[in-house]
Amino acid sequence: MHSGGARRSKSSDKPAAESAYRRALELDPDYADAFINLGALLCEAERCGEAVELYDEAIRRFPDHALLYFNRAIALEDQGRMSDALASYETCLRLDPGLADAHFNAARLYEQRGDGKRALRHLSAYRRLRG
């Protein structure tokens, strides 16, 4: 007995999702969320270099969009580019100091660098925001 529709595997959904986000950007290049979601999808597929390029393009369009800098920082971390990631987290936090996860990630990177003072400042902000 047939139980309804066939289920797609996650691996087949990702190319379709990527195609849909790219099409959405063709139709509306001012759709910031499509950049964010497509970049995250690319990173999940271990294509973080492409994601960084995409985020750079999006940042040129939306220079004040904090989440673009946040997601860019994550992609940069995945590439092992910690200094660039920290700079991106700091820009994110200048634009939106209320992004707790950006404070947490910046604290972690500052701690790895041995900069306890900056790490503590960001960790304190994270705790305050998570209240």
N, C-alpha and C. Protein backbone atom coordinates (compact mmCIF):
# COMPACT_ATOMS: atom_id res chain seq x y z
N MET A 1 0.84 -1.18 0.00
CA MET A 1 0.00 0.00 0.00
C MET A 1 0.88 1.24 0.00
N HIS A 2 0.52 2.21 -0.80
CA HIS A 2 1.26 3.46 -0.92
C HIS A 2 0.86 4.38 0.22
N SER A 3 1.85 4.97 0.87
CA SER A 3 1.56 5.78 2.06
C SER A 3 1.54 7.27 1.81
N GLY A 4 1.38 7.69 0.60
CA GLY A 4 1.37 9.12 0.33
C GLY A 4 2.54 9.49 -0.56
N GLY A 5 3.05 10.70 -0.41
CA GLY A 5 4.14 11.18 -1.24
C GLY A 5 5.48 10.62 -0.82
N ALA A 6 6.37 10.58 -1.77
CA ALA A 6 7.74 10.15 -1.46
C ALA A 6 8.44 11.26 -0.69
N ARG A 7 9.25 10.87 0.24
CA ARG A 7 10.02 11.85 1.01
C ARG A 7 11.35 12.08 0.33
N ARG A 8 11.71 13.34 0.21
CA ARG A 8 13.02 13.65 -0.33
C ARG A 8 14.06 13.57 0.78
N SER A 9 15.23 13.12 0.42
CA SER A 9 16.31 13.12 1.40
C SER A 9 16.83 14.54 1.54
N LYS A 10 17.51 14.78 2.66
CA LYS A 10 18.07 16.11 2.89
C LYS A 10 19.06 16.48 1.80
N SER A 11 19.82 15.51 1.30
CA SER A 11 20.81 15.82 0.28
C SER A 11 20.16 16.31 -1.01
N SER A 12 18.95 15.85 -1.31
CA SER A 12 18.29 16.34 -2.51
C SER A 12 17.56 17.65 -2.26
N ASP A 13 17.24 17.93 -1.03
CA ASP A 13 16.59 19.20 -0.70
C ASP A 13 17.56 20.37 -0.79
N LYS A 14 18.82 20.14 -0.45
CA LYS A 14 19.80 21.24 -0.42
C LYS A 14 20.03 21.85 -1.80
N PRO A 15 20.24 21.06 -2.85
CA PRO A 15 20.39 21.69 -4.17
C PRO A 15 19.12 22.45 -4.58
N ALA A 16 17.97 21.91 -4.25
CA ALA A 16 16.72 22.61 -4.59
C ALA A 16 16.61 23.91 -3.81
N ALA A 17 16.99 23.88 -2.55
CA ALA A 17 16.95 25.10 -1.73
C ALA A 17 17.95 26.12 -2.25
N GLU A 18 19.14 25.67 -2.59
CA GLU A 18 20.14 26.59 -3.14
C GLU A 18 19.61 27.24 -4.42
N SER A 19 19.03 26.44 -5.28
CA SER A 19 18.47 26.96 -6.53
C SER A 19 17.36 27.98 -6.25
N ALA A 20 16.52 27.67 -5.29
CA ALA A 20 15.41 28.58 -4.95
C ALA A 20 15.94 29.91 -4.40
N TYR A 21 16.95 29.87 -3.53
CA TYR A 21 17.52 31.11 -2.99
C TYR A 21 18.19 31.92 -4.09
N ARG A 22 18.90 31.23 -4.98
CA ARG A 22 19.55 31.95 -6.09
C ARG A 22 18.51 32.60 -7.00
N ARG A 23 17.42 31.88 -7.24
CA ARG A 23 16.33 32.44 -8.06
C ARG A 23 15.69 33.63 -7.36
N ALA A 24 15.49 33.52 -6.06
CA ALA A 24 14.92 34.64 -5.29
C ALA A 24 15.81 35.87 -5.41
N LEU A 25 17.12 35.68 -5.39
CA LEU A 25 18.04 36.81 -5.51
C LEU A 25 18.06 37.39 -6.91
N GLU A 26 17.84 36.53 -7.93
CA GLU A 26 17.72 37.04 -9.29
C GLU A 26 16.49 37.93 -9.41
N LEU A 27 15.40 37.49 -8.79
CA LEU A 27 14.14 38.24 -8.87
C LEU A 27 14.16 39.50 -8.00
N ASP A 28 14.83 39.40 -6.85
CA ASP A 28 14.87 40.53 -5.91
C ASP A 28 16.22 40.58 -5.23
N PRO A 29 17.20 41.26 -5.85
CA PRO A 29 18.53 41.31 -5.26
C PRO A 29 18.60 42.11 -3.96
N ASP A 30 17.50 42.71 -3.56
CA ASP A 30 17.45 43.44 -2.29
C ASP A 30 16.79 42.63 -1.19
N TYR A 31 16.77 41.32 -1.33
CA TYR A 31 16.17 40.41 -0.35
C TYR A 31 17.30 39.86 0.54
N ALA A 32 17.61 40.59 1.60
CA ALA A 32 18.74 40.26 2.46
C ALA A 32 18.64 38.87 3.07
N ASP A 33 17.44 38.45 3.44
CA ASP A 33 17.29 37.14 4.07
C ASP A 33 17.70 36.01 3.12
N ALA A 34 17.51 36.19 1.83
CA ALA A 34 17.93 35.16 0.88
C ALA A 34 19.45 35.04 0.87
N PHE A 35 20.16 36.16 0.99
CA PHE A 35 21.62 36.10 1.10
C PHE A 35 22.03 35.35 2.36
N ILE A 36 21.37 35.66 3.46
CA ILE A 36 21.71 35.03 4.74
C ILE A 36 21.48 33.52 4.67
N ASN A 37 20.32 33.13 4.19
CA ASN A 37 19.97 31.71 4.13
C ASN A 37 20.83 30.94 3.13
N LEU A 38 21.08 31.54 1.98
CA LEU A 38 21.91 30.87 0.98
C LEU A 38 23.34 30.70 1.51
N GLY A 39 23.86 31.72 2.14
CA GLY A 39 25.21 31.62 2.71
C GLY A 39 25.30 30.52 3.75
N ALA A 40 24.30 30.42 4.61
CA ALA A 40 24.29 29.37 5.63
C ALA A 40 24.24 27.99 4.97
N LEU A 41 23.44 27.88 3.94
CA LEU A 41 23.34 26.61 3.20
C LEU A 41 24.68 26.24 2.57
N LEU A 42 25.37 27.22 2.00
CA LEU A 42 26.68 26.96 1.41
C LEU A 42 27.68 26.50 2.46
N CYS A 43 27.66 27.13 3.63
CA CYS A 43 28.57 26.71 4.70
C CYS A 43 28.27 25.29 5.17
N GLU A 44 26.99 24.97 5.29
CA GLU A 44 26.62 23.61 5.68
C GLU A 44 27.14 22.59 4.68
N ALA A 45 27.25 23.00 3.43
CA ALA A 45 27.76 22.12 2.37
C ALA A 45 29.29 22.22 2.26
N GLU A 46 29.92 22.81 3.27
CA GLU A 46 31.37 22.97 3.31
C GLU A 46 31.89 23.79 2.13
N ARG A 47 31.11 24.81 1.77
CA ARG A 47 31.47 25.74 0.69
C ARG A 47 31.56 27.14 1.27
N CYS A 48 32.31 27.25 2.37
CA CYS A 48 32.38 28.51 3.10
C CYS A 48 33.05 29.62 2.31
N GLY A 49 33.97 29.28 1.44
CA GLY A 49 34.58 30.30 0.59
C GLY A 49 33.54 30.99 -0.27
N GLU A 50 32.65 30.20 -0.85
CA GLU A 50 31.55 30.76 -1.65
C GLU A 50 30.62 31.60 -0.76
N ALA A 51 30.40 31.12 0.45
CA ALA A 51 29.52 31.85 1.37
C ALA A 51 30.12 33.22 1.71
N VAL A 52 31.42 33.27 1.96
CA VAL A 52 32.07 34.55 2.28
C VAL A 52 31.92 35.50 1.10
N GLU A 53 32.15 35.01 -0.11
CA GLU A 53 31.98 35.86 -1.30
C GLU A 53 30.55 36.37 -1.41
N LEU A 54 29.60 35.50 -1.14
CA LEU A 54 28.19 35.89 -1.17
C LEU A 54 27.89 36.96 -0.12
N TYR A 55 28.39 36.73 1.10
CA TYR A 55 28.17 37.72 2.16
C TYR A 55 28.85 39.04 1.84
N ASP A 56 30.02 38.99 1.22
CA ASP A 56 30.68 40.24 0.82
C ASP A 56 29.83 41.01 -0.18
N GLU A 57 29.25 40.29 -1.13
CA GLU A 57 28.34 40.92 -2.09
C GLU A 57 27.13 41.53 -1.37
N ALA A 58 26.57 40.78 -0.45
CA ALA A 58 25.40 41.26 0.29
C ALA A 58 25.74 42.49 1.13
N ILE A 59 26.93 42.49 1.74
CA ILE A 59 27.35 43.62 2.58
C ILE A 59 27.51 44.87 1.73
N ARG A 60 27.95 44.71 0.49
CA ARG A 60 28.01 45.89 -0.40
C ARG A 60 26.62 46.48 -0.62
N ARG A 61 25.61 45.62 -0.66
CA ARG A 61 24.23 46.08 -0.84
C ARG A 61 23.61 46.59 0.47
N PHE A 62 23.96 45.92 1.56
CA PHE A 62 23.36 46.22 2.86
C PHE A 62 24.47 46.41 3.91
N PRO A 63 25.18 47.54 3.85
CA PRO A 63 26.34 47.71 4.72
C PRO A 63 26.01 47.82 6.21
N ASP A 64 24.75 48.00 6.54
CA ASP A 64 24.36 48.15 7.94
C ASP A 64 23.56 46.96 8.46
N HIS A 65 23.64 45.83 7.81
CA HIS A 65 22.87 44.64 8.19
C HIS A 65 23.74 43.75 9.08
N ALA A 66 23.52 43.80 10.37
CA ALA A 66 24.37 43.12 11.35
C ALA A 66 24.45 41.61 11.12
N LEU A 67 23.34 40.98 10.78
CA LEU A 67 23.35 39.52 10.62
C LEU A 67 24.23 39.05 9.46
N LEU A 68 24.39 39.89 8.46
CA LEU A 68 25.29 39.52 7.36
C LEU A 68 26.73 39.42 7.88
N TYR A 69 27.13 40.38 8.72
CA TYR A 69 28.47 40.34 9.30
C TYR A 69 28.62 39.15 10.25
N PHE A 70 27.57 38.85 11.00
CA PHE A 70 27.60 37.70 11.92
C PHE A 70 27.79 36.40 11.14
N ASN A 71 26.98 36.19 10.13
CA ASN A 71 27.09 34.95 9.35
C ASN A 71 28.41 34.89 8.58
N ARG A 72 28.87 36.04 8.11
CA ARG A 72 30.16 36.10 7.44
C ARG A 72 31.26 35.67 8.41
N ALA A 73 31.18 36.12 9.64
CA ALA A 73 32.18 35.76 10.65
C ALA A 73 32.21 34.25 10.88
N ILE A 74 31.04 33.65 10.94
CA ILE A 74 30.98 32.19 11.12
C ILE A 74 31.65 31.48 9.94
N ALA A 75 31.36 31.94 8.74
CA ALA A 75 31.97 31.34 7.55
C ALA A 75 33.49 31.53 7.57
N LEU A 76 33.94 32.69 7.99
CA LEU A 76 35.37 32.95 8.08
C LEU A 76 36.03 32.04 9.13
N GLU A 77 35.34 31.84 10.25
CA GLU A 77 35.86 30.90 11.26
C GLU A 77 36.01 29.51 10.67
N ASP A 78 35.00 29.08 9.92
CA ASP A 78 35.06 27.75 9.31
C ASP A 78 36.23 27.61 8.35
N GLN A 79 36.70 28.73 7.82
CA GLN A 79 37.86 28.72 6.94
C GLN A 79 39.17 28.86 7.72
N GLY A 80 39.07 29.04 9.03
CA GLY A 80 40.27 29.22 9.85
C GLY A 80 40.81 30.63 9.83
N ARG A 81 40.02 31.57 9.36
CA ARG A 81 40.44 32.97 9.25
C ARG A 81 39.95 33.74 10.49
N MET A 82 40.58 33.46 11.63
CA MET A 82 40.09 33.96 12.91
C MET A 82 40.18 35.47 13.05
N SER A 83 41.24 36.10 12.57
CA SER A 83 41.35 37.56 12.67
C SER A 83 40.26 38.24 11.86
N ASP A 84 40.01 37.73 10.66
CA ASP A 84 38.95 38.30 9.82
C ASP A 84 37.58 38.06 10.47
N ALA A 85 37.41 36.89 11.07
CA ALA A 85 36.15 36.58 11.74
C ALA A 85 35.92 37.54 12.90
N LEU A 86 36.96 37.79 13.70
CA LEU A 86 36.83 38.72 14.82
C LEU A 86 36.43 40.11 14.33
N ALA A 87 37.06 40.57 13.27
CA ALA A 87 36.73 41.89 12.72
C ALA A 87 35.27 41.93 12.28
N SER A 88 34.80 40.83 11.70
CA SER A 88 33.41 40.78 11.25
C SER A 88 32.44 40.76 12.45
N TYR A 89 32.80 40.01 13.51
CA TYR A 89 31.97 40.03 14.72
C TYR A 89 31.93 41.43 15.32
N GLU A 90 33.07 42.11 15.35
CA GLU A 90 33.12 43.45 15.92
C GLU A 90 32.25 44.43 15.11
N THR A 91 32.29 44.32 13.79
CA THR A 91 31.43 45.18 12.96
C THR A 91 29.97 44.85 13.23
N CYS A 92 29.65 43.58 13.31
CA CYS A 92 28.29 43.15 13.64
C CYS A 92 27.82 43.81 14.94
N LEU A 93 28.68 43.78 15.94
CA LEU A 93 28.30 44.30 17.25
C LEU A 93 28.26 45.82 17.29
N ARG A 94 29.02 46.48 16.45
CA ARG A 94 28.88 47.95 16.35
C ARG A 94 27.50 48.29 15.79
N LEU A 95 27.04 47.47 14.85
CA LEU A 95 25.74 47.71 14.24
C LEU A 95 24.58 47.29 15.14
N ASP A 96 24.77 46.21 15.88
CA ASP A 96 23.72 45.70 16.78
C ASP A 96 24.37 45.09 18.02
N PRO A 97 24.60 45.92 19.05
CA PRO A 97 25.25 45.42 20.26
C PRO A 97 24.43 44.41 21.04
N GLY A 98 23.19 44.18 20.63
CA GLY A 98 22.32 43.25 21.32
C GLY A 98 22.37 41.83 20.81
N LEU A 99 23.25 41.52 19.87
CA LEU A 99 23.34 40.16 19.35
C LEU A 99 24.22 39.31 20.28
N ALA A 100 23.58 38.64 21.20
CA ALA A 100 24.28 37.89 22.24
C ALA A 100 25.24 36.86 21.65
N ASP A 101 24.81 36.13 20.63
CA ASP A 101 25.67 35.09 20.06
C ASP A 101 26.95 35.65 19.46
N ALA A 102 26.89 36.87 18.93
CA ALA A 102 28.10 37.51 18.40
C ALA A 102 29.06 37.82 19.54
N HIS A 103 28.52 38.26 20.68
CA HIS A 103 29.37 38.49 21.86
C HIS A 103 30.03 37.19 22.31
N PHE A 104 29.25 36.12 22.35
CA PHE A 104 29.78 34.82 22.79
C PHE A 104 30.91 34.36 21.87
N ASN A 105 30.66 34.43 20.56
CA ASN A 105 31.67 33.97 19.60
C ASN A 105 32.92 34.84 19.64
N ALA A 106 32.73 36.15 19.78
CA ALA A 106 33.89 37.05 19.88
C ALA A 106 34.67 36.74 21.15
N ALA A 107 33.97 36.49 22.26
CA ALA A 107 34.65 36.16 23.52
C ALA A 107 35.50 34.90 23.34
N ARG A 108 34.95 33.91 22.69
CA ARG A 108 35.67 32.65 22.46
C ARG A 108 36.94 32.89 21.64
N LEU A 109 36.84 33.71 20.59
CA LEU A 109 38.01 33.97 19.75
C LEU A 109 39.04 34.82 20.48
N TYR A 110 38.59 35.81 21.26
CA TYR A 110 39.55 36.60 22.03
C TYR A 110 40.25 35.73 23.07
N GLU A 111 39.51 34.82 23.67
CA GLU A 111 40.12 33.91 24.64
C GLU A 111 41.19 33.05 23.96
N GLN A 112 40.89 32.55 22.77
CA GLN A 112 41.87 31.74 22.02
C GLN A 112 43.13 32.53 21.72
N ARG A 113 42.96 33.84 21.52
CA ARG A 113 44.09 34.72 21.24
C ARG A 113 44.89 35.07 22.49
N GLY A 114 44.31 34.79 23.64
CA GLY A 114 44.96 35.16 24.89
C GLY A 114 44.63 36.56 25.35
N ASP A 115 43.60 37.15 24.79
CA ASP A 115 43.17 38.50 25.18
C ASP A 115 42.01 38.38 26.17
N GLY A 116 42.37 38.09 27.41
CA GLY A 116 41.36 37.85 28.44
C GLY A 116 40.46 39.03 28.72
N LYS A 117 41.01 40.23 28.64
CA LYS A 117 40.22 41.43 28.93
C LYS A 117 39.06 41.59 27.93
N ARG A 118 39.37 41.47 26.65
CA ARG A 118 38.31 41.58 25.64
C ARG A 118 37.36 40.38 25.71
N ALA A 119 37.91 39.21 25.98
CA ALA A 119 37.07 38.02 26.10
C ALA A 119 36.07 38.21 27.23
N LEU A 120 36.53 38.70 28.37
CA LEU A 120 35.65 38.91 29.52
C LEU A 120 34.59 39.97 29.22
N ARG A 121 34.98 41.03 28.53
CA ARG A 121 34.01 42.08 28.19
C ARG A 121 32.88 41.51 27.34
N HIS A 122 33.22 40.70 26.34
CA HIS A 122 32.18 40.12 25.48
C HIS A 122 31.38 39.05 26.21
N LEU A 123 32.03 38.28 27.04
CA LEU A 123 31.32 37.25 27.80
C LEU A 123 30.34 37.89 28.78
N SER A 124 30.74 39.00 29.40
CA SER A 124 29.84 39.73 30.30
C SER A 124 28.63 40.27 29.54
N ALA A 125 28.87 40.81 28.36
CA ALA A 125 27.75 41.31 27.55
C ALA A 125 26.83 40.17 27.17
N TYR A 126 27.40 39.03 26.80
CA TYR A 126 26.60 37.86 26.45
C TYR A 126 25.71 37.45 27.62
N ARG A 127 26.29 37.35 28.79
CA ARG A 127 25.52 36.93 29.99
C ARG A 127 24.43 37.95 30.31
N ARG A 128 24.75 39.22 30.19
CA ARG A 128 23.78 40.28 30.47
C ARG A 128 22.59 40.17 29.49
N LEU A 129 22.90 39.94 28.24
CA LEU A 129 21.85 39.85 27.22
C LEU A 129 21.01 38.59 27.36
N ARG A 130 21.64 37.51 27.78
CA ARG A 130 20.91 36.24 27.96
C ARG A 130 20.14 36.21 29.28
N GLY A 131 20.52 37.14 30.17
CA GLY A 131 19.88 37.37 31.46
C GLY A 131 19.27 36.25 32.11
